[in-house]
Amino acid sequence: MTSFWSVWVSVIIIGTLIGSTWLLVATRKSQTTDEETEQKMPHAFDGIEEYDNPLPKWWFHMFIGSVVFAFAYALLYPTLGNFQGFLGWSSTGQWEAEVAEADEKYTPIFKAYAAKPIEELAKDAEAMKVGQRLFANNCSVCHGSTGRGALGFPNLTDHDWLYGGSPDAIKTTLLYGRNGQMPAKGLNPAMSKTDIQNMTHYLLSFSGRSDDKAAVDAGAAMYQTACAACHGAEAKGNQAVGAPNLTDDVWLYGGTASKINQTLTYGRAGVMPAQKDLLGEDKVHLLAAYVYSLSNK
């Protein structure tokens, strides 16, 4: 923080401690005792009276102790603005020390795993226990604890892969991430609502869910000009660009007529964050083996 705010915070903290001490001393009776008296306060509320007993010594001393503790804490730890305290402690420094200690302990383990091929590692039960924990901490929030995915997040337990399900392809996806883009209306921004409806019928026809032959034929013609460049002439997809197979029953964003229509109308954007800088290559290698094992059991 700036010098102004550092001084501002320090003045408030020190002023509060001094003010609290003054208030405690100024308002207590001149003499404290552990004995109760019969003297009462000069007021009553609905017949309720209050005894005027001095603050017990132990209670008063606890207040004094708390003030002393607060002053000591402010001097030892980062409390007064930019002053770091005489101990030089910080939460960041403690975290870095704990990370360094963990790295020293676990780095050799991950390096040993990284030396094994992914296919072999996927059969190592102990390694997969570690991989499962990595997955739970870094992947399950999107793909689910079992890897079965959700709307907009791929199922990792089947054999339907947008960018390939080989060990190298999975590792590449984890290391560098993916940025999938489905442009609205494909490559034909002039596509009308009727064209989109026809295209929807065409895509539904692959699974026998449309019997409107005229709409299917019109959609097939439109498909070749607006979609085939990415998804292929037979709509089987293209893993080189992450274009999904449109002829199976796997739909990342939903396969109902309304969902397909929505995808065609507004497009889709999916981002898989890169994990290389977050986890490092050794952990990614183990994580890739775990993901590979989900669909190759």
C-alpha atoms as a PDB file:
ATOM      1  CA  MET A   1       0.000   0.000   0.000  1.00  0.00           C
ATOM      2  CA  THR A   2       1.085   3.628  -0.398  1.00  0.00           C
ATOM      3  CA  SER A   3       2.849   5.513   2.400  1.00  0.00           C
ATOM      4  CA  PHE A   4      -0.281   7.559   3.100  1.00  0.00           C
ATOM      5  CA  TRP A   5      -2.472   4.529   3.668  1.00  0.00           C
ATOM      6  CA  SER A   6       0.275   2.795   5.631  1.00  0.00           C
ATOM      7  CA  VAL A   7       0.427   5.721   8.069  1.00  0.00           C
ATOM      8  CA  TRP A   8      -3.372   5.950   8.114  1.00  0.00           C
ATOM      9  CA  VAL A   9      -3.760   2.288   9.097  1.00  0.00           C
ATOM     10  CA  SER A  10      -0.982   2.501  11.686  1.00  0.00           C
ATOM     11  CA  VAL A  11      -2.488   5.587  13.345  1.00  0.00           C
ATOM     12  CA  ILE A  12      -5.910   3.937  13.559  1.00  0.00           C
ATOM     13  CA  ILE A  13      -4.512   0.738  15.093  1.00  0.00           C
ATOM     14  CA  ILE A  14      -2.233   2.469  17.607  1.00  0.00           C
ATOM     15  CA  GLY A  15      -4.940   5.007  18.441  1.00  0.00           C
ATOM     16  CA  THR A  16      -7.447   2.230  19.048  1.00  0.00           C
ATOM     17  CA  LEU A  17      -5.094   0.387  21.393  1.00  0.00           C
ATOM     18  CA  ILE A  18      -4.211   3.528  23.349  1.00  0.00           C
ATOM     19  CA  GLY A  19      -7.850   4.597  23.486  1.00  0.00           C
ATOM     20  CA  SER A  20      -8.950   1.185  24.711  1.00  0.00           C
ATOM     21  CA  THR A  21      -6.316   1.261  27.453  1.00  0.00           C
ATOM     22  CA  TRP A  22      -7.330   4.750  28.570  1.00  0.00           C
ATOM     23  CA  LEU A  23     -11.022   3.811  28.590  1.00  0.00           C
ATOM     24  CA  LEU A  24     -10.326   0.716  30.667  1.00  0.00           C
ATOM     25  CA  VAL A  25      -8.279   2.597  33.269  1.00  0.00           C
ATOM     26  CA  ALA A  26     -10.453   5.724  33.347  1.00  0.00           C
ATOM     27  CA  THR A  27     -13.757   3.955  33.883  1.00  0.00           C
ATOM     28  CA  ARG A  28     -12.762   1.412  36.503  1.00  0.00           C
ATOM     29  CA  LYS A  29     -13.183   2.068  40.176  1.00  0.00           C
ATOM     30  CA  SER A  30     -10.132   3.272  42.037  1.00  0.00           C
ATOM     31  CA  GLN A  31     -10.030  -0.011  43.875  1.00  0.00           C
ATOM     32  CA  THR A  32     -10.746  -3.499  42.630  1.00  0.00           C
ATOM     33  CA  THR A  33     -11.805  -6.353  44.828  1.00  0.00           C
ATOM     34  CA  ASP A  34     -13.034  -9.891  44.664  1.00  0.00           C
ATOM     35  CA  GLU A  35     -15.691  -9.173  47.276  1.00  0.00           C
ATOM     36  CA  GLU A  36     -19.265  -8.225  46.412  1.00  0.00           C
ATOM     37  CA  THR A  37     -21.054  -5.326  48.120  1.00  0.00           C
ATOM     38  CA  GLU A  38     -24.661  -4.339  48.652  1.00  0.00           C
ATOM     39  CA  GLN A  39     -24.207  -0.919  47.054  1.00  0.00           C
ATOM     40  CA  LYS A  40     -26.517  -0.337  44.100  1.00  0.00           C
ATOM     41  CA  MET A  41     -26.448   1.886  41.037  1.00  0.00           C
ATOM     42  CA  PRO A  42     -28.534   5.103  41.357  1.00  0.00           C
ATOM     43  CA  HIS A  43     -31.094   4.029  38.761  1.00  0.00           C
ATOM     44  CA  ALA A  44     -33.769   1.393  38.271  1.00  0.00           C
ATOM     45  CA  PHE A  45     -35.846   0.137  35.351  1.00  0.00           C
ATOM     46  CA  ASP A  46     -39.293  -1.257  36.074  1.00  0.00           C
ATOM     47  CA  GLY A  47     -38.163  -2.106  39.572  1.00  0.00           C
ATOM     48  CA  ILE A  48     -34.986  -3.795  38.379  1.00  0.00           C
ATOM     49  CA  GLU A  49     -31.864  -2.555  40.176  1.00  0.00           C
ATOM     50  CA  GLU A  50     -28.193  -3.215  39.505  1.00  0.00           C
ATOM     51  CA  TYR A  51     -25.463  -3.764  42.070  1.00  0.00           C
ATOM     52  CA  ASP A  52     -22.485  -1.416  41.873  1.00  0.00           C
ATOM     53  CA  ASN A  53     -19.739  -3.978  42.360  1.00  0.00           C
ATOM     54  CA  PRO A  54     -16.167  -3.206  41.277  1.00  0.00           C
ATOM     55  CA  LEU A  55     -14.760  -5.122  38.305  1.00  0.00           C
ATOM     56  CA  PRO A  56     -13.089  -8.305  39.613  1.00  0.00           C
ATOM     57  CA  LYS A  57      -9.296  -8.165  39.577  1.00  0.00           C
ATOM     58  CA  TRP A  58      -8.952 -11.212  37.333  1.00  0.00           C
ATOM     59  CA  TRP A  59     -11.294  -9.664  34.778  1.00  0.00           C
ATOM     60  CA  PHE A  60      -9.459  -6.350  34.817  1.00  0.00           C
ATOM     61  CA  HIS A  61      -6.121  -8.115  34.444  1.00  0.00           C
ATOM     62  CA  MET A  62      -7.470 -10.063  31.461  1.00  0.00           C
ATOM     63  CA  PHE A  63      -8.320  -6.766  29.745  1.00  0.00           C
ATOM     64  CA  ILE A  64      -4.831  -5.459  30.465  1.00  0.00           C
ATOM     65  CA  GLY A  65      -3.326  -8.701  29.169  1.00  0.00           C
ATOM     66  CA  SER A  66      -5.284  -8.477  25.923  1.00  0.00           C
ATOM     67  CA  VAL A  67      -4.004  -4.940  25.326  1.00  0.00           C
ATOM     68  CA  VAL A  68      -0.416  -6.016  26.024  1.00  0.00           C
ATOM     69  CA  PHE A  69      -0.851  -8.964  23.656  1.00  0.00           C
ATOM     70  CA  ALA A  70      -2.213  -6.644  20.942  1.00  0.00           C
ATOM     71  CA  PHE A  71       0.788  -4.291  21.262  1.00  0.00           C
ATOM     72  CA  ALA A  72       3.223  -7.232  21.143  1.00  0.00           C
ATOM     73  CA  TYR A  73       1.459  -8.742  18.123  1.00  0.00           C
ATOM     74  CA  ALA A  74       1.553  -5.403  16.286  1.00  0.00           C
ATOM     75  CA  LEU A  75       5.310  -5.196  16.833  1.00  0.00           C
ATOM     76  CA  LEU A  76       6.111  -8.798  15.893  1.00  0.00           C
ATOM     77  CA  TYR A  77       3.787  -9.387  12.925  1.00  0.00           C
ATOM     78  CA  PRO A  78       2.726  -7.318   9.859  1.00  0.00           C
ATOM     79  CA  THR A  79      -0.054  -5.229  11.382  1.00  0.00           C
ATOM     80  CA  LEU A  80       0.945  -1.562  11.158  1.00  0.00           C
ATOM     81  CA  GLY A  81       0.617  -0.676   7.472  1.00  0.00           C
ATOM     82  CA  ASN A  82       3.763  -1.561   5.537  1.00  0.00           C
ATOM     83  CA  PHE A  83       5.725  -2.482   8.665  1.00  0.00           C
ATOM     84  CA  GLN A  84       6.497  -6.200   8.356  1.00  0.00           C
ATOM     85  CA  GLY A  85       7.085  -6.810  12.048  1.00  0.00           C
ATOM     86  CA  PHE A  86      10.315  -7.702  13.801  1.00  0.00           C
ATOM     87  CA  LEU A  87       9.869 -11.415  13.040  1.00  0.00           C
ATOM     88  CA  GLY A  88       9.631 -10.763   9.294  1.00  0.00           C
ATOM     89  CA  TRP A  89       6.762 -13.242   8.973  1.00  0.00           C
ATOM     90  CA  SER A  90       4.249 -13.159   6.110  1.00  0.00           C
ATOM     91  CA  SER A  91       1.567 -15.549   4.914  1.00  0.00           C
ATOM     92  CA  THR A  92       3.210 -15.547   1.482  1.00  0.00           C
ATOM     93  CA  GLY A  93       6.576 -16.449   2.953  1.00  0.00           C
ATOM     94  CA  GLN A  94       5.066 -19.255   5.011  1.00  0.00           C
ATOM     95  CA  TRP A  95       3.235 -20.588   1.967  1.00  0.00           C
ATOM     96  CA  GLU A  96       6.413 -20.495  -0.140  1.00  0.00           C
ATOM     97  CA  ALA A  97       8.315 -22.344   2.573  1.00  0.00           C
ATOM     98  CA  GLU A  98       5.629 -25.026   2.772  1.00  0.00           C
ATOM     99  CA  VAL A  99       5.593 -25.388  -1.020  1.00  0.00           C
ATOM    100  CA  ALA A 100       9.386 -25.688  -1.094  1.00  0.00           C
ATOM    101  CA  GLU A 101       9.246 -28.366   1.602  1.00  0.00           C
ATOM    102  CA  ALA A 102       6.555 -30.276  -0.295  1.00  0.00           C
ATOM    103  CA  ASP A 103       8.490 -29.989  -3.569  1.00  0.00           C
ATOM    104  CA  GLU A 104      11.609 -31.365  -1.930  1.00  0.00           C
ATOM    105  CA  LYS A 105       9.618 -34.319  -0.617  1.00  0.00           C
ATOM    106  CA  TYR A 106       7.432 -35.149  -3.616  1.00  0.00           C
ATOM    107  CA  THR A 107       9.443 -34.040  -6.678  1.00  0.00           C
ATOM    108  CA  PRO A 108      11.494 -37.295  -6.803  1.00  0.00           C
ATOM    109  CA  ILE A 109       8.248 -39.293  -6.727  1.00  0.00           C
ATOM    110  CA  PHE A 110       6.710 -37.418  -9.648  1.00  0.00           C
ATOM    111  CA  LYS A 111       9.964 -37.576 -11.610  1.00  0.00           C
ATOM    112  CA  ALA A 112       9.985 -41.348 -11.217  1.00  0.00           C
ATOM    113  CA  TYR A 113       6.428 -41.521 -12.537  1.00  0.00           C
ATOM    114  CA  ALA A 114       7.299 -39.165 -15.405  1.00  0.00           C
ATOM    115  CA  ALA A 115      10.003 -41.577 -16.564  1.00  0.00           C
ATOM    116  CA  LYS A 116       7.390 -44.238 -17.347  1.00  0.00           C
ATOM    117  CA  PRO A 117       5.279 -44.324 -20.537  1.00  0.00           C
ATOM    118  CA  ILE A 118       1.685 -43.208 -20.031  1.00  0.00           C
ATOM    119  CA  GLU A 119       0.254 -46.592 -21.093  1.00  0.00           C
ATOM    120  CA  GLU A 120       2.397 -48.361 -18.496  1.00  0.00           C
ATOM    121  CA  LEU A 121       1.689 -45.768 -15.829  1.00  0.00           C
ATOM    122  CA  ALA A 122      -2.066 -46.162 -16.376  1.00  0.00           C
ATOM    123  CA  LYS A 123      -1.757 -49.770 -15.144  1.00  0.00           C
ATOM    124  CA  ASP A 124       0.100 -48.815 -11.956  1.00  0.00           C
ATOM    125  CA  ALA A 125      -2.494 -48.903  -9.153  1.00  0.00           C
ATOM    126  CA  GLU A 126      -0.452 -46.794  -6.729  1.00  0.00           C
ATOM    127  CA  ALA A 127       0.301 -44.189  -9.383  1.00  0.00           C
ATOM    128  CA  MET A 128      -3.381 -43.988 -10.292  1.00  0.00           C
ATOM    129  CA  LYS A 129      -4.263 -43.241  -6.670  1.00  0.00           C
ATOM    130  CA  VAL A 130      -2.016 -40.189  -6.867  1.00  0.00           C
ATOM    131  CA  GLY A 131      -3.411 -39.329 -10.294  1.00  0.00           C
ATOM    132  CA  GLN A 132      -6.956 -39.542  -8.955  1.00  0.00           C
ATOM    133  CA  ARG A 133      -6.113 -37.000  -6.247  1.00  0.00           C
ATOM    134  CA  LEU A 134      -4.565 -34.682  -8.825  1.00  0.00           C
ATOM    135  CA  PHE A 135      -7.718 -35.031 -10.905  1.00  0.00           C
ATOM    136  CA  ALA A 136      -9.973 -34.347  -7.910  1.00  0.00           C
ATOM    137  CA  ASN A 137      -8.058 -31.181  -7.029  1.00  0.00           C
ATOM    138  CA  ASN A 138      -7.644 -29.749 -10.512  1.00  0.00           C
ATOM    139  CA  CYS A 139     -10.187 -31.258 -12.923  1.00  0.00           C
ATOM    140  CA  SER A 140     -13.268 -32.512 -11.102  1.00  0.00           C
ATOM    141  CA  VAL A 141     -14.826 -29.068 -10.716  1.00  0.00           C
ATOM    142  CA  CYS A 142     -15.551 -29.125 -14.472  1.00  0.00           C
ATOM    143  CA  HIS A 143     -15.458 -32.788 -15.493  1.00  0.00           C
ATOM    144  CA  GLY A 144     -16.980 -34.226 -12.318  1.00  0.00           C
ATOM    145  CA  SER A 145     -15.404 -36.444  -9.677  1.00  0.00           C
ATOM    146  CA  THR A 146     -15.787 -39.516 -11.908  1.00  0.00           C
ATOM    147  CA  GLY A 147     -14.741 -37.748 -15.124  1.00  0.00           C
ATOM    148  CA  ARG A 148     -18.141 -38.163 -16.776  1.00  0.00           C
ATOM    149  CA  GLY A 149     -18.397 -34.470 -17.557  1.00  0.00           C
ATOM    150  CA  ALA A 150     -21.428 -32.194 -17.727  1.00  0.00           C
ATOM    151  CA  LEU A 151     -23.128 -29.887 -20.210  1.00  0.00           C
ATOM    152  CA  GLY A 152     -20.266 -28.074 -21.931  1.00  0.00           C
ATOM    153  CA  PHE A 153     -17.578 -30.235 -20.284  1.00  0.00           C
ATOM    154  CA  PRO A 154     -16.520 -33.443 -22.089  1.00  0.00           C
ATOM    155  CA  ASN A 155     -17.007 -36.932 -20.708  1.00  0.00           C
ATOM    156  CA  LEU A 156     -13.515 -38.368 -20.225  1.00  0.00           C
ATOM    157  CA  THR A 157     -14.628 -41.956 -19.668  1.00  0.00           C
ATOM    158  CA  ASP A 158     -15.853 -42.717 -23.198  1.00  0.00           C
ATOM    159  CA  HIS A 159     -13.994 -42.914 -26.507  1.00  0.00           C
ATOM    160  CA  ASP A 160     -15.351 -39.701 -27.999  1.00  0.00           C
ATOM    161  CA  TRP A 161     -12.436 -37.247 -28.058  1.00  0.00           C
ATOM    162  CA  LEU A 162     -12.502 -33.787 -29.608  1.00  0.00           C
ATOM    163  CA  TYR A 163      -8.714 -33.527 -29.943  1.00  0.00           C
ATOM    164  CA  GLY A 164      -7.739 -37.184 -29.778  1.00  0.00           C
ATOM    165  CA  GLY A 165      -7.599 -39.774 -27.015  1.00  0.00           C
ATOM    166  CA  SER A 166      -4.074 -41.079 -27.513  1.00  0.00           C
ATOM    167  CA  PRO A 167      -1.628 -40.637 -24.609  1.00  0.00           C
ATOM    168  CA  ASP A 168       0.279 -37.910 -26.454  1.00  0.00           C
ATOM    169  CA  ALA A 169      -2.903 -36.068 -27.463  1.00  0.00           C
ATOM    170  CA  ILE A 170      -4.255 -36.106 -23.915  1.00  0.00           C
ATOM    171  CA  LYS A 171      -0.945 -34.881 -22.513  1.00  0.00           C
ATOM    172  CA  THR A 172      -0.795 -32.094 -25.102  1.00  0.00           C
ATOM    173  CA  THR A 173      -4.307 -31.003 -24.170  1.00  0.00           C
ATOM    174  CA  LEU A 174      -3.394 -30.893 -20.488  1.00  0.00           C
ATOM    175  CA  LEU A 175      -0.096 -29.100 -21.012  1.00  0.00           C
ATOM    176  CA  TYR A 176      -1.192 -26.376 -23.390  1.00  0.00           C
ATOM    177  CA  GLY A 177      -4.977 -26.297 -23.077  1.00  0.00           C
ATOM    178  CA  ARG A 178      -7.524 -25.998 -25.869  1.00  0.00           C
ATOM    179  CA  ASN A 179      -9.616 -23.147 -27.196  1.00  0.00           C
ATOM    180  CA  GLY A 180     -12.616 -24.493 -29.084  1.00  0.00           C
ATOM    181  CA  GLN A 181     -14.694 -22.134 -31.189  1.00  0.00           C
ATOM    182  CA  MET A 182     -17.931 -22.915 -32.994  1.00  0.00           C
ATOM    183  CA  PRO A 183     -18.822 -19.771 -34.974  1.00  0.00           C
ATOM    184  CA  ALA A 184     -22.443 -18.713 -35.050  1.00  0.00           C
ATOM    185  CA  LYS A 185     -24.077 -19.992 -38.259  1.00  0.00           C
ATOM    186  CA  GLY A 186     -20.902 -21.840 -39.176  1.00  0.00           C
ATOM    187  CA  LEU A 187     -19.129 -20.353 -42.173  1.00  0.00           C
ATOM    188  CA  ASN A 188     -22.315 -18.810 -43.536  1.00  0.00           C
ATOM    189  CA  PRO A 189     -23.237 -15.698 -41.510  1.00  0.00           C
ATOM    190  CA  ALA A 190     -26.156 -15.086 -43.880  1.00  0.00           C
ATOM    191  CA  MET A 191     -27.883 -18.285 -42.758  1.00  0.00           C
ATOM    192  CA  SER A 192     -31.573 -17.600 -42.067  1.00  0.00           C
ATOM    193  CA  LYS A 193     -33.771 -19.043 -39.331  1.00  0.00           C
ATOM    194  CA  THR A 194     -35.269 -21.414 -41.888  1.00  0.00           C
ATOM    195  CA  ASP A 195     -31.788 -22.526 -42.930  1.00  0.00           C
ATOM    196  CA  ILE A 196     -30.922 -23.198 -39.293  1.00  0.00           C
ATOM    197  CA  GLN A 197     -34.106 -25.225 -38.823  1.00  0.00           C
ATOM    198  CA  ASN A 198     -33.289 -27.255 -41.931  1.00  0.00           C
ATOM    199  CA  MET A 199     -29.740 -27.795 -40.678  1.00  0.00           C
ATOM    200  CA  THR A 200     -31.131 -28.958 -37.340  1.00  0.00           C
ATOM    201  CA  HIS A 201     -33.327 -31.517 -39.111  1.00  0.00           C
ATOM    202  CA  TYR A 202     -30.307 -32.705 -41.089  1.00  0.00           C
ATOM    203  CA  LEU A 203     -28.237 -33.264 -37.945  1.00  0.00           C
ATOM    204  CA  LEU A 204     -31.138 -34.981 -36.196  1.00  0.00           C
ATOM    205  CA  SER A 205     -31.533 -37.306 -39.169  1.00  0.00           C
ATOM    206  CA  PHE A 206     -28.230 -39.027 -38.330  1.00  0.00           C
ATOM    207  CA  SER A 207     -29.913 -40.549 -35.287  1.00  0.00           C
ATOM    208  CA  GLY A 208     -33.258 -41.099 -37.004  1.00  0.00           C
ATOM    209  CA  ARG A 209     -34.974 -38.250 -35.183  1.00  0.00           C
ATOM    210  CA  SER A 210     -36.280 -36.322 -38.199  1.00  0.00           C
ATOM    211  CA  ASP A 211     -38.713 -37.509 -40.853  1.00  0.00           C
ATOM    212  CA  ASP A 212     -38.997 -34.160 -42.677  1.00  0.00           C
ATOM    213  CA  LYS A 213     -37.245 -35.199 -45.907  1.00  0.00           C
ATOM    214  CA  ALA A 214     -37.508 -31.768 -47.533  1.00  0.00           C
ATOM    215  CA  ALA A 215     -35.917 -30.061 -44.526  1.00  0.00           C
ATOM    216  CA  VAL A 216     -33.232 -32.747 -44.284  1.00  0.00           C
ATOM    217  CA  ASP A 217     -32.309 -32.396 -47.963  1.00  0.00           C
ATOM    218  CA  ALA A 218     -32.171 -28.601 -47.706  1.00  0.00           C
ATOM    219  CA  GLY A 219     -30.070 -28.862 -44.544  1.00  0.00           C
ATOM    220  CA  ALA A 220     -27.688 -31.314 -46.223  1.00  0.00           C
ATOM    221  CA  ALA A 221     -27.004 -28.858 -49.023  1.00  0.00           C
ATOM    222  CA  MET A 222     -26.470 -26.009 -46.562  1.00  0.00           C
ATOM    223  CA  TYR A 223     -24.187 -28.205 -44.444  1.00  0.00           C
ATOM    224  CA  GLN A 224     -21.679 -28.646 -47.272  1.00  0.00           C
ATOM    225  CA  THR A 225     -21.174 -24.899 -47.602  1.00  0.00           C
ATOM    226  CA  ALA A 226     -21.346 -23.862 -43.946  1.00  0.00           C
ATOM    227  CA  CYS A 227     -20.056 -26.788 -41.861  1.00  0.00           C
ATOM    228  CA  ALA A 228     -18.164 -29.380 -43.903  1.00  0.00           C
ATOM    229  CA  ALA A 229     -14.885 -27.453 -43.796  1.00  0.00           C
ATOM    230  CA  CYS A 230     -14.551 -28.242 -40.088  1.00  0.00           C
ATOM    231  CA  HIS A 231     -16.755 -31.275 -39.452  1.00  0.00           C
ATOM    232  CA  GLY A 232     -15.993 -33.058 -42.715  1.00  0.00           C
ATOM    233  CA  ALA A 233     -18.191 -33.904 -45.689  1.00  0.00           C
ATOM    234  CA  GLU A 234     -19.689 -36.861 -43.818  1.00  0.00           C
ATOM    235  CA  ALA A 235     -19.968 -34.956 -40.507  1.00  0.00           C
ATOM    236  CA  LYS A 236     -17.540 -37.346 -38.808  1.00  0.00           C
ATOM    237  CA  GLY A 237     -15.604 -34.490 -37.232  1.00  0.00           C
ATOM    238  CA  ASN A 238     -11.962 -33.445 -37.341  1.00  0.00           C
ATOM    239  CA  GLN A 239      -9.739 -33.862 -34.289  1.00  0.00           C
ATOM    240  CA  ALA A 240      -7.107 -31.573 -35.784  1.00  0.00           C
ATOM    241  CA  VAL A 241      -9.369 -28.588 -35.114  1.00  0.00           C
ATOM    242  CA  GLY A 242     -11.483 -30.061 -32.322  1.00  0.00           C
ATOM    243  CA  ALA A 243     -14.604 -30.362 -34.486  1.00  0.00           C
ATOM    244  CA  PRO A 244     -16.885 -33.048 -33.003  1.00  0.00           C
ATOM    245  CA  ASN A 245     -18.423 -36.012 -34.782  1.00  0.00           C
ATOM    246  CA  LEU A 246     -22.038 -35.030 -35.511  1.00  0.00           C
ATOM    247  CA  THR A 247     -23.225 -38.507 -36.448  1.00  0.00           C
ATOM    248  CA  ASP A 248     -22.982 -40.196 -33.041  1.00  0.00           C
ATOM    249  CA  ASP A 249     -25.099 -39.673 -29.936  1.00  0.00           C
ATOM    250  CA  VAL A 250     -22.520 -37.620 -28.013  1.00  0.00           C
ATOM    251  CA  TRP A 251     -23.460 -33.952 -27.775  1.00  0.00           C
ATOM    252  CA  LEU A 252     -21.263 -31.684 -25.680  1.00  0.00           C
ATOM    253  CA  TYR A 253     -23.828 -28.895 -25.464  1.00  0.00           C
ATOM    254  CA  GLY A 254     -26.966 -31.010 -25.746  1.00  0.00           C
ATOM    255  CA  GLY A 255     -28.445 -32.954 -28.654  1.00  0.00           C
ATOM    256  CA  THR A 256     -32.088 -31.907 -28.529  1.00  0.00           C
ATOM    257  CA  ALA A 257     -33.545 -29.943 -31.428  1.00  0.00           C
ATOM    258  CA  SER A 258     -33.638 -26.749 -29.360  1.00  0.00           C
ATOM    259  CA  LYS A 259     -30.028 -27.148 -28.170  1.00  0.00           C
ATOM    260  CA  ILE A 260     -28.736 -27.842 -31.676  1.00  0.00           C
ATOM    261  CA  ASN A 261     -30.680 -24.845 -32.981  1.00  0.00           C
ATOM    262  CA  GLN A 262     -29.173 -22.706 -30.230  1.00  0.00           C
ATOM    263  CA  THR A 263     -25.652 -23.882 -31.045  1.00  0.00           C
ATOM    264  CA  LEU A 264     -26.110 -23.104 -34.739  1.00  0.00           C
ATOM    265  CA  THR A 265     -27.642 -19.700 -34.029  1.00  0.00           C
ATOM    266  CA  TYR A 266     -25.250 -18.365 -31.405  1.00  0.00           C
ATOM    267  CA  GLY A 267     -22.175 -20.572 -31.674  1.00  0.00           C
ATOM    268  CA  ARG A 268     -20.164 -22.042 -28.814  1.00  0.00           C
ATOM    269  CA  ALA A 269     -16.857 -21.269 -27.126  1.00  0.00           C
ATOM    270  CA  GLY A 270     -15.098 -23.811 -24.936  1.00  0.00           C
ATOM    271  CA  VAL A 271     -11.808 -23.291 -23.107  1.00  0.00           C
ATOM    272  CA  MET A 272      -9.668 -25.976 -21.522  1.00  0.00           C
ATOM    273  CA  PRO A 273      -7.081 -24.165 -19.317  1.00  0.00           C
ATOM    274  CA  ALA A 274      -3.413 -25.052 -19.793  1.00  0.00           C
ATOM    275  CA  GLN A 275      -1.957 -26.919 -16.809  1.00  0.00           C
ATOM    276  CA  LYS A 276       1.755 -26.748 -17.638  1.00  0.00           C
ATOM    277  CA  ASP A 277       2.536 -23.659 -15.560  1.00  0.00           C
ATOM    278  CA  LEU A 278       0.132 -24.662 -12.803  1.00  0.00           C
ATOM    279  CA  LEU A 279       1.192 -28.281 -12.233  1.00  0.00           C
ATOM    280  CA  GLY A 280       4.435 -28.757 -14.131  1.00  0.00           C
ATOM    281  CA  GLU A 281       5.197 -31.408 -16.746  1.00  0.00           C
ATOM    282  CA  ASP A 282       5.829 -34.268 -14.315  1.00  0.00           C
ATOM    283  CA  LYS A 283       2.432 -33.958 -12.620  1.00  0.00           C
ATOM    284  CA  VAL A 284       0.731 -33.431 -15.982  1.00  0.00           C
ATOM    285  CA  HIS A 285       2.313 -36.668 -17.218  1.00  0.00           C
ATOM    286  CA  LEU A 286       0.789 -38.565 -14.295  1.00  0.00           C
ATOM    287  CA  LEU A 287      -2.542 -36.779 -14.710  1.00  0.00           C
ATOM    288  CA  ALA A 288      -2.569 -37.685 -18.412  1.00  0.00           C
ATOM    289  CA  ALA A 289      -2.082 -41.331 -17.460  1.00  0.00           C
ATOM    290  CA  TYR A 290      -5.045 -41.147 -15.093  1.00  0.00           C
ATOM    291  CA  VAL A 291      -7.291 -39.525 -17.707  1.00  0.00           C
ATOM    292  CA  TYR A 292      -6.144 -42.122 -20.249  1.00  0.00           C
ATOM    293  CA  SER A 293      -7.020 -44.894 -17.790  1.00  0.00           C
ATOM    294  CA  LEU A 294     -10.612 -43.643 -17.452  1.00  0.00           C
ATOM    295  CA  SER A 295     -11.439 -44.741 -20.995  1.00  0.00           C
ATOM    296  CA  ASN A 296      -9.028 -47.664 -21.235  1.00  0.00           C
ATOM    297  CA  LYS A 297      -9.878 -49.911 -18.316  1.00  0.00           C
END
